[in-house]
C-alpha atoms as a PDB file:
ATOM      1  CA  MET A   1       0.000   0.000   0.000  1.00  0.00           C
ATOM      2  CA  GLY A   2       1.204   3.529  -0.697  1.00  0.00           C
ATOM      3  CA  GLY A   3       1.940   6.211   1.853  1.00  0.00           C
ATOM      4  CA  ILE A   4      -0.869   8.137   3.446  1.00  0.00           C
ATOM      5  CA  SER A   5      -1.259  11.851   3.967  1.00  0.00           C
ATOM      6  CA  ARG A   6      -2.700  13.684   6.953  1.00  0.00           C
ATOM      7  CA  ALA A   7      -6.011  13.978   5.101  1.00  0.00           C
ATOM      8  CA  ALA A   8      -6.000  10.250   4.428  1.00  0.00           C
ATOM      9  CA  LEU A   9      -5.293   9.516   8.074  1.00  0.00           C
ATOM     10  CA  VAL A  10      -8.248  11.616   9.159  1.00  0.00           C
ATOM     11  CA  SER A  11     -10.588  10.195   6.515  1.00  0.00           C
ATOM     12  CA  ARG A  12      -9.482   6.626   7.244  1.00  0.00           C
ATOM     13  CA  ALA A  13     -10.100   7.168  10.926  1.00  0.00           C
ATOM     14  CA  ALA A  14     -13.491   8.686  10.216  1.00  0.00           C
ATOM     15  CA  ARG A  15     -14.712   5.748   8.128  1.00  0.00           C
ATOM     16  CA  GLY A  16     -16.899   3.247   9.926  1.00  0.00           C
ATOM     17  CA  GLY A  17     -20.421   2.049  10.418  1.00  0.00           C
ATOM     18  CA  ALA A  18     -23.250   3.345  12.529  1.00  0.00           C
ATOM     19  CA  LEU A  19     -23.300   3.215  16.312  1.00  0.00           C
ATOM     20  CA  VAL A  20     -22.351  -0.303  17.395  1.00  0.00           C
ATOM     21  CA  ALA A  21     -22.016  -2.144  20.668  1.00  0.00           C
ATOM     22  CA  LEU A  22     -18.480  -3.195  21.564  1.00  0.00           C
ATOM     23  CA  SER A  23     -18.384  -6.955  22.031  1.00  0.00           C
ATOM     24  CA  SER A  24     -17.262  -8.378  25.341  1.00  0.00           C
ATOM     25  CA  ALA A  25     -14.315 -10.011  23.534  1.00  0.00           C
ATOM     26  CA  GLY A  26     -13.096  -6.683  22.166  1.00  0.00           C
ATOM     27  CA  ALA A  27     -13.580  -4.939  25.476  1.00  0.00           C
ATOM     28  CA  GLY A  28     -11.916  -7.818  27.270  1.00  0.00           C
ATOM     29  CA  ALA A  29      -8.833  -7.606  25.056  1.00  0.00           C
ATOM     30  CA  LEU A  30      -8.419  -3.951  25.875  1.00  0.00           C
ATOM     31  CA  ALA A  31      -9.142  -4.513  29.537  1.00  0.00           C
ATOM     32  CA  ALA A  32      -6.597  -7.324  29.853  1.00  0.00           C
ATOM     33  CA  SER A  33      -3.733  -5.062  28.786  1.00  0.00           C
ATOM     34  CA  ALA A  34      -4.882  -1.760  30.234  1.00  0.00           C
ATOM     35  CA  GLY A  35      -6.297  -2.880  33.568  1.00  0.00           C
ATOM     36  CA  ALA A  36      -9.770  -1.525  32.861  1.00  0.00           C
ATOM     37  CA  ALA A  37     -13.189  -3.056  33.498  1.00  0.00           C
ATOM     38  CA  THR A  38     -13.952  -6.246  31.610  1.00  0.00           C
ATOM     39  CA  ARG A  39     -16.790  -4.827  29.513  1.00  0.00           C
ATOM     40  CA  ALA A  40     -17.519  -1.599  27.696  1.00  0.00           C
ATOM     41  CA  SER A  41     -20.073   0.379  29.682  1.00  0.00           C
ATOM     42  CA  GLY A  42     -22.102   1.388  26.635  1.00  0.00           C
ATOM     43  CA  PRO A  43     -22.304   1.584  22.865  1.00  0.00           C
ATOM     44  CA  ILE A  44     -19.311   2.744  20.885  1.00  0.00           C
ATOM     45  CA  SER A  45     -19.804   5.464  18.268  1.00  0.00           C
ATOM     46  CA  ASP A  46     -18.263   6.300  14.907  1.00  0.00           C
ATOM     47  CA  ALA A  47     -16.138   8.909  16.682  1.00  0.00           C
ATOM     48  CA  ASP A  48     -14.932   6.259  19.130  1.00  0.00           C
ATOM     49  CA  LEU A  49     -13.993   3.970  16.245  1.00  0.00           C
ATOM     50  CA  ALA A  50     -12.129   6.825  14.560  1.00  0.00           C
ATOM     51  CA  LEU A  51     -10.083   7.286  17.719  1.00  0.00           C
ATOM     52  CA  ALA A  52      -9.351   3.563  17.749  1.00  0.00           C
ATOM     53  CA  ARG A  53      -8.080   3.692  14.160  1.00  0.00           C
ATOM     54  CA  LEU A  54      -5.739   6.558  14.999  1.00  0.00           C
ATOM     55  CA  ALA A  55      -4.585   4.704  18.105  1.00  0.00           C
ATOM     56  CA  VAL A  56      -3.842   1.605  16.015  1.00  0.00           C
ATOM     57  CA  GLY A  57      -1.763   3.717  13.628  1.00  0.00           C
ATOM     58  CA  ALA A  58       0.145   5.198  16.547  1.00  0.00           C
ATOM     59  CA  GLU A  59       0.827   1.786  18.065  1.00  0.00           C
ATOM     60  CA  LEU A  60       1.977   0.342  14.737  1.00  0.00           C
ATOM     61  CA  LEU A  61       4.415   3.239  14.481  1.00  0.00           C
ATOM     62  CA  ALA A  62       5.540   2.673  18.070  1.00  0.00           C
ATOM     63  CA  VAL A  63       6.159  -1.043  17.503  1.00  0.00           C
ATOM     64  CA  ASP A  64       8.150  -0.279  14.356  1.00  0.00           C
ATOM     65  CA  PHE A  65      10.225   2.443  16.025  1.00  0.00           C
ATOM     66  CA  TYR A  66      11.203   0.366  19.042  1.00  0.00           C
ATOM     67  CA  GLY A  67      11.909  -2.652  16.864  1.00  0.00           C
ATOM     68  CA  GLN A  68      14.306  -0.580  14.770  1.00  0.00           C
ATOM     69  CA  ALA A  69      15.875   0.965  17.875  1.00  0.00           C
ATOM     70  CA  ILE A  70      16.612  -2.523  19.206  1.00  0.00           C
ATOM     71  CA  ASP A  71      17.830  -3.780  15.832  1.00  0.00           C
ATOM     72  CA  SER A  72      20.256  -0.852  15.562  1.00  0.00           C
ATOM     73  CA  ASN A  73      22.542  -2.727  18.010  1.00  0.00           C
ATOM     74  CA  LEU A  74      23.473   0.627  19.571  1.00  0.00           C
ATOM     75  CA  PHE A  75      22.153  -0.151  23.040  1.00  0.00           C
ATOM     76  CA  ARG A  76      23.465  -2.548  25.663  1.00  0.00           C
ATOM     77  CA  GLY A  77      22.687  -3.682  29.178  1.00  0.00           C
ATOM     78  CA  ASP A  78      19.832  -2.035  31.054  1.00  0.00           C
ATOM     79  CA  GLN A  79      19.057   0.344  28.201  1.00  0.00           C
ATOM     80  CA  LEU A  80      18.512  -2.549  25.809  1.00  0.00           C
ATOM     81  CA  LYS A  81      16.415  -4.402  28.374  1.00  0.00           C
ATOM     82  CA  THR A  82      14.267  -1.321  28.850  1.00  0.00           C
ATOM     83  CA  LEU A  83      13.765  -0.889  25.105  1.00  0.00           C
ATOM     84  CA  LYS A  84      12.688  -4.519  24.829  1.00  0.00           C
ATOM     85  CA  ARG A  85      10.243  -4.045  27.698  1.00  0.00           C
ATOM     86  CA  ILE A  86       8.848  -0.927  26.034  1.00  0.00           C
ATOM     87  CA  LEU A  87       8.416  -2.842  22.773  1.00  0.00           C
ATOM     88  CA  PHE A  88       6.465  -5.469  24.708  1.00  0.00           C
ATOM     89  CA  ASN A  89       4.258  -2.711  26.162  1.00  0.00           C
ATOM     90  CA  GLU A  90       3.595  -1.290  22.708  1.00  0.00           C
ATOM     91  CA  GLN A  91       2.744  -4.712  21.299  1.00  0.00           C
ATOM     92  CA  GLU A  92       0.213  -5.163  24.104  1.00  0.00           C
ATOM     93  CA  HIS A  93      -1.199  -1.701  23.471  1.00  0.00           C
ATOM     94  CA  LEU A  94      -1.549  -2.568  19.770  1.00  0.00           C
ATOM     95  CA  THR A  95      -3.394  -5.791  20.556  1.00  0.00           C
ATOM     96  CA  ALA A  96      -5.649  -3.905  22.940  1.00  0.00           C
ATOM     97  CA  VAL A  97      -6.634  -1.015  20.681  1.00  0.00           C
ATOM     98  CA  SER A  98      -6.996  -3.353  17.683  1.00  0.00           C
ATOM     99  CA  GLY A  99      -9.481  -5.270  19.828  1.00  0.00           C
ATOM    100  CA  ILE A 100     -11.772  -2.251  19.889  1.00  0.00           C
ATOM    101  CA  LEU A 101     -12.147  -2.536  16.126  1.00  0.00           C
ATOM    102  CA  THR A 102     -12.357  -6.328  15.904  1.00  0.00           C
ATOM    103  CA  GLY A 103     -14.904  -6.281  18.701  1.00  0.00           C
ATOM    104  CA  ALA A 104     -16.991  -3.900  16.588  1.00  0.00           C
ATOM    105  CA  GLY A 105     -16.763  -6.215  13.594  1.00  0.00           C
ATOM    106  CA  GLN A 106     -14.127  -4.192  11.762  1.00  0.00           C
ATOM    107  CA  VAL A 107     -10.631  -5.052  10.553  1.00  0.00           C
ATOM    108  CA  PRO A 108      -7.807  -3.024  12.145  1.00  0.00           C
ATOM    109  CA  SER A 109      -4.798  -1.928  10.130  1.00  0.00           C
ATOM    110  CA  THR A 110      -1.608  -3.955  10.311  1.00  0.00           C
ATOM    111  CA  ALA A 111       1.986  -3.074   9.518  1.00  0.00           C
ATOM    112  CA  ASP A 112       1.421  -4.256   5.936  1.00  0.00           C
ATOM    113  CA  ASP A 113      -1.179  -1.527   5.440  1.00  0.00           C
ATOM    114  CA  LEU A 114       1.146   1.377   6.239  1.00  0.00           C
ATOM    115  CA  ASP A 115       4.336   2.834   4.796  1.00  0.00           C
ATOM    116  CA  ILE A 116       6.431   3.933   7.771  1.00  0.00           C
ATOM    117  CA  GLY A 117       9.420   6.194   7.245  1.00  0.00           C
ATOM    118  CA  TYR A 118      11.775   8.308   9.325  1.00  0.00           C
ATOM    119  CA  PRO A 119      14.108  11.251   8.672  1.00  0.00           C
ATOM    120  CA  GLN A 120      17.521  10.266   7.360  1.00  0.00           C
ATOM    121  CA  GLY A 121      19.937   9.398  10.143  1.00  0.00           C
ATOM    122  CA  SER A 122      17.217   8.758  12.725  1.00  0.00           C
ATOM    123  CA  PHE A 123      18.826   5.473  13.815  1.00  0.00           C
ATOM    124  CA  ALA A 124      22.460   6.485  13.374  1.00  0.00           C
ATOM    125  CA  THR A 125      23.339   7.029  17.044  1.00  0.00           C
ATOM    126  CA  PRO A 126      21.780   6.427  20.454  1.00  0.00           C
ATOM    127  CA  ALA A 127      21.226  10.176  20.759  1.00  0.00           C
ATOM    128  CA  SER A 128      19.407  10.450  17.424  1.00  0.00           C
ATOM    129  CA  ILE A 129      17.195   7.500  18.331  1.00  0.00           C
ATOM    130  CA  ALA A 130      16.395   9.015  21.716  1.00  0.00           C
ATOM    131  CA  ARG A 131      15.538  12.409  20.195  1.00  0.00           C
ATOM    132  CA  LEU A 132      13.182  10.839  17.663  1.00  0.00           C
ATOM    133  CA  GLY A 133      11.687   8.717  20.420  1.00  0.00           C
ATOM    134  CA  VAL A 134      10.940  11.809  22.498  1.00  0.00           C
ATOM    135  CA  THR A 135       9.104  13.344  19.548  1.00  0.00           C
ATOM    136  CA  LEU A 136       7.106  10.185  18.919  1.00  0.00           C
ATOM    137  CA  GLU A 137       6.315   9.440  22.552  1.00  0.00           C
ATOM    138  CA  THR A 138       5.164  13.016  23.118  1.00  0.00           C
ATOM    139  CA  ALA A 139       2.621  12.364  20.372  1.00  0.00           C
ATOM    140  CA  PHE A 140       1.676   8.945  21.753  1.00  0.00           C
ATOM    141  CA  VAL A 141       1.055  10.409  25.201  1.00  0.00           C
ATOM    142  CA  GLY A 142      -1.084  13.147  23.675  1.00  0.00           C
ATOM    143  CA  ILE A 143      -3.119  10.680  21.617  1.00  0.00           C
ATOM    144  CA  ALA A 144      -3.810   8.485  24.641  1.00  0.00           C
ATOM    145  CA  ILE A 145      -4.791  11.469  26.801  1.00  0.00           C
ATOM    146  CA  GLY A 146      -7.080  12.750  24.072  1.00  0.00           C
ATOM    147  CA  ALA A 147      -8.738   9.339  23.746  1.00  0.00           C
ATOM    148  CA  ALA A 148      -9.098   9.063  27.519  1.00  0.00           C
ATOM    149  CA  ALA A 149     -11.006  12.342  27.502  1.00  0.00           C
ATOM    150  CA  ALA A 150     -13.122  11.659  24.425  1.00  0.00           C
ATOM    151  CA  TYR A 151     -14.286   8.043  24.525  1.00  0.00           C
ATOM    152  CA  THR A 152     -17.974   7.412  25.115  1.00  0.00           C
ATOM    153  CA  PRO A 153     -17.727   4.291  27.324  1.00  0.00           C
ATOM    154  CA  VAL A 154     -16.204   5.189  30.673  1.00  0.00           C
ATOM    155  CA  ASP A 155     -14.174   2.002  30.930  1.00  0.00           C
ATOM    156  CA  LEU A 156     -12.473   2.696  27.615  1.00  0.00           C
ATOM    157  CA  ARG A 157     -11.553   6.153  28.881  1.00  0.00           C
ATOM    158  CA  GLN A 158      -9.971   4.449  31.872  1.00  0.00           C
ATOM    159  CA  ALA A 159      -8.135   2.022  29.609  1.00  0.00           C
ATOM    160  CA  PHE A 160      -6.628   4.831  27.551  1.00  0.00           C
ATOM    161  CA  ALA A 161      -5.679   6.653  30.741  1.00  0.00           C
ATOM    162  CA  SER A 162      -3.689   3.520  31.617  1.00  0.00           C
ATOM    163  CA  ILE A 163      -2.069   3.533  28.176  1.00  0.00           C
ATOM    164  CA  ALA A 164      -1.219   7.217  28.626  1.00  0.00           C
ATOM    165  CA  ALA A 165       0.499   6.394  31.924  1.00  0.00           C
ATOM    166  CA  SER A 166       2.535   3.659  30.225  1.00  0.00           C
ATOM    167  CA  GLU A 167       3.510   5.932  27.334  1.00  0.00           C
ATOM    168  CA  ALA A 168       4.583   8.587  29.823  1.00  0.00           C
ATOM    169  CA  GLU A 169       7.006   6.079  31.340  1.00  0.00           C
ATOM    170  CA  HIS A 170       8.442   5.468  27.890  1.00  0.00           C
ATOM    171  CA  LEU A 171       8.759   9.202  27.305  1.00  0.00           C
ATOM    172  CA  ALA A 172      10.582   9.633  30.598  1.00  0.00           C
ATOM    173  CA  PHE A 173      13.099   6.939  29.682  1.00  0.00           C
ATOM    174  CA  LEU A 174      13.809   8.422  26.257  1.00  0.00           C
ATOM    175  CA  SER A 175      13.922  11.958  27.597  1.00  0.00           C
ATOM    176  CA  GLY A 176      16.510  10.810  30.105  1.00  0.00           C
ATOM    177  CA  LEU A 177      18.608   9.369  27.282  1.00  0.00           C
ATOM    178  CA  ALA A 178      18.201  12.422  25.057  1.00  0.00           C
ATOM    179  CA  THR A 179      18.544  15.243  27.572  1.00  0.00           C
ATOM    180  CA  GLY A 180      19.419  13.764  30.955  1.00  0.00           C
ATOM    181  CA  ARG A 181      16.077  15.076  32.237  1.00  0.00           C
ATOM    182  CA  PRO A 182      13.572  12.231  32.525  1.00  0.00           C
ATOM    183  CA  VAL A 183      10.908  14.356  34.218  1.00  0.00           C
ATOM    184  CA  GLY A 184       9.124  16.697  31.843  1.00  0.00           C
ATOM    185  CA  ILE A 185       6.240  19.157  31.883  1.00  0.00           C
ATOM    186  CA  SER A 186       3.495  19.067  34.483  1.00  0.00           C
ATOM    187  CA  PHE A 187       0.597  18.912  32.021  1.00  0.00           C
ATOM    188  CA  PRO A 188       1.199  16.913  28.810  1.00  0.00           C
ATOM    189  CA  VAL A 189      -0.986  18.128  25.947  1.00  0.00           C
ATOM    190  CA  ALA A 190      -3.959  16.062  24.754  1.00  0.00           C
ATOM    191  CA  LEU A 191      -4.293  15.616  20.990  1.00  0.00           C
ATOM    192  CA  ASP A 192      -7.622  15.597  19.165  1.00  0.00           C
ATOM    193  CA  PRO A 193      -7.952  13.432  16.008  1.00  0.00           C
ATOM    194  CA  ALA A 194      -6.804  16.185  13.631  1.00  0.00           C
ATOM    195  CA  ALA A 195      -3.767  17.021  15.785  1.00  0.00           C
ATOM    196  CA  ALA A 196      -3.033  13.317  16.185  1.00  0.00           C
ATOM    197  CA  ALA A 197      -3.061  12.896  12.402  1.00  0.00           C
ATOM    198  CA  ASP A 198      -0.683  15.858  12.087  1.00  0.00           C
ATOM    199  CA  ALA A 199       1.674  14.213  14.573  1.00  0.00           C
ATOM    200  CA  LEU A 200       1.642  10.818  12.815  1.00  0.00           C
ATOM    201  CA  ALA A 201       1.622  11.922   9.173  1.00  0.00           C
ATOM    202  CA  PRO A 202       5.375  12.721   8.870  1.00  0.00           C
ATOM    203  CA  TYR A 203       6.170   9.084   9.640  1.00  0.00           C
ATOM    204  CA  LEU A 204       3.290   7.425   7.781  1.00  0.00           C
ATOM    205  CA  SER A 205       3.601   9.099   4.387  1.00  0.00           C
END
């Protein structure tokens, strides 16, 4: 599949059926990884599904980034172990948010559906990897916070709040590598779908 623009990201996220009920299997998949309730507390809307599609795109990008960071062979010891643990987190997040769509009878995107690219030299040094990671994780935190605020079912808001907390841990680790300052701003910024698409588009087109 070819690359996708910001407009395509937004339109792809917006596509979906009418209001549907999230199946217990889909809700359970999200709950298992995010520590939320075991069922969605209500119906899930087109807007909710659009958020799920954006979240899937973000998690696919996260899995790819951390896989490439590990494969760069530039990290050793505890740093490498932490990157592998973060990759595991992102894989669980991906399974969880994909479950929202499969539970609604839709097919989530996979890595084969997206063209992922990075600026030249992004994986040349540990510092360049860490700087890119800070940029990406800032977006991932914002996407999760935005979803936590916007979802219709309360338990899915709670699940994305858990994902946001996990992504914030990742951001702290990478910020520590990039700047020596693992603790950042007091109020990370939430991203709405349009802002989320802006944040993802440079790496998915």
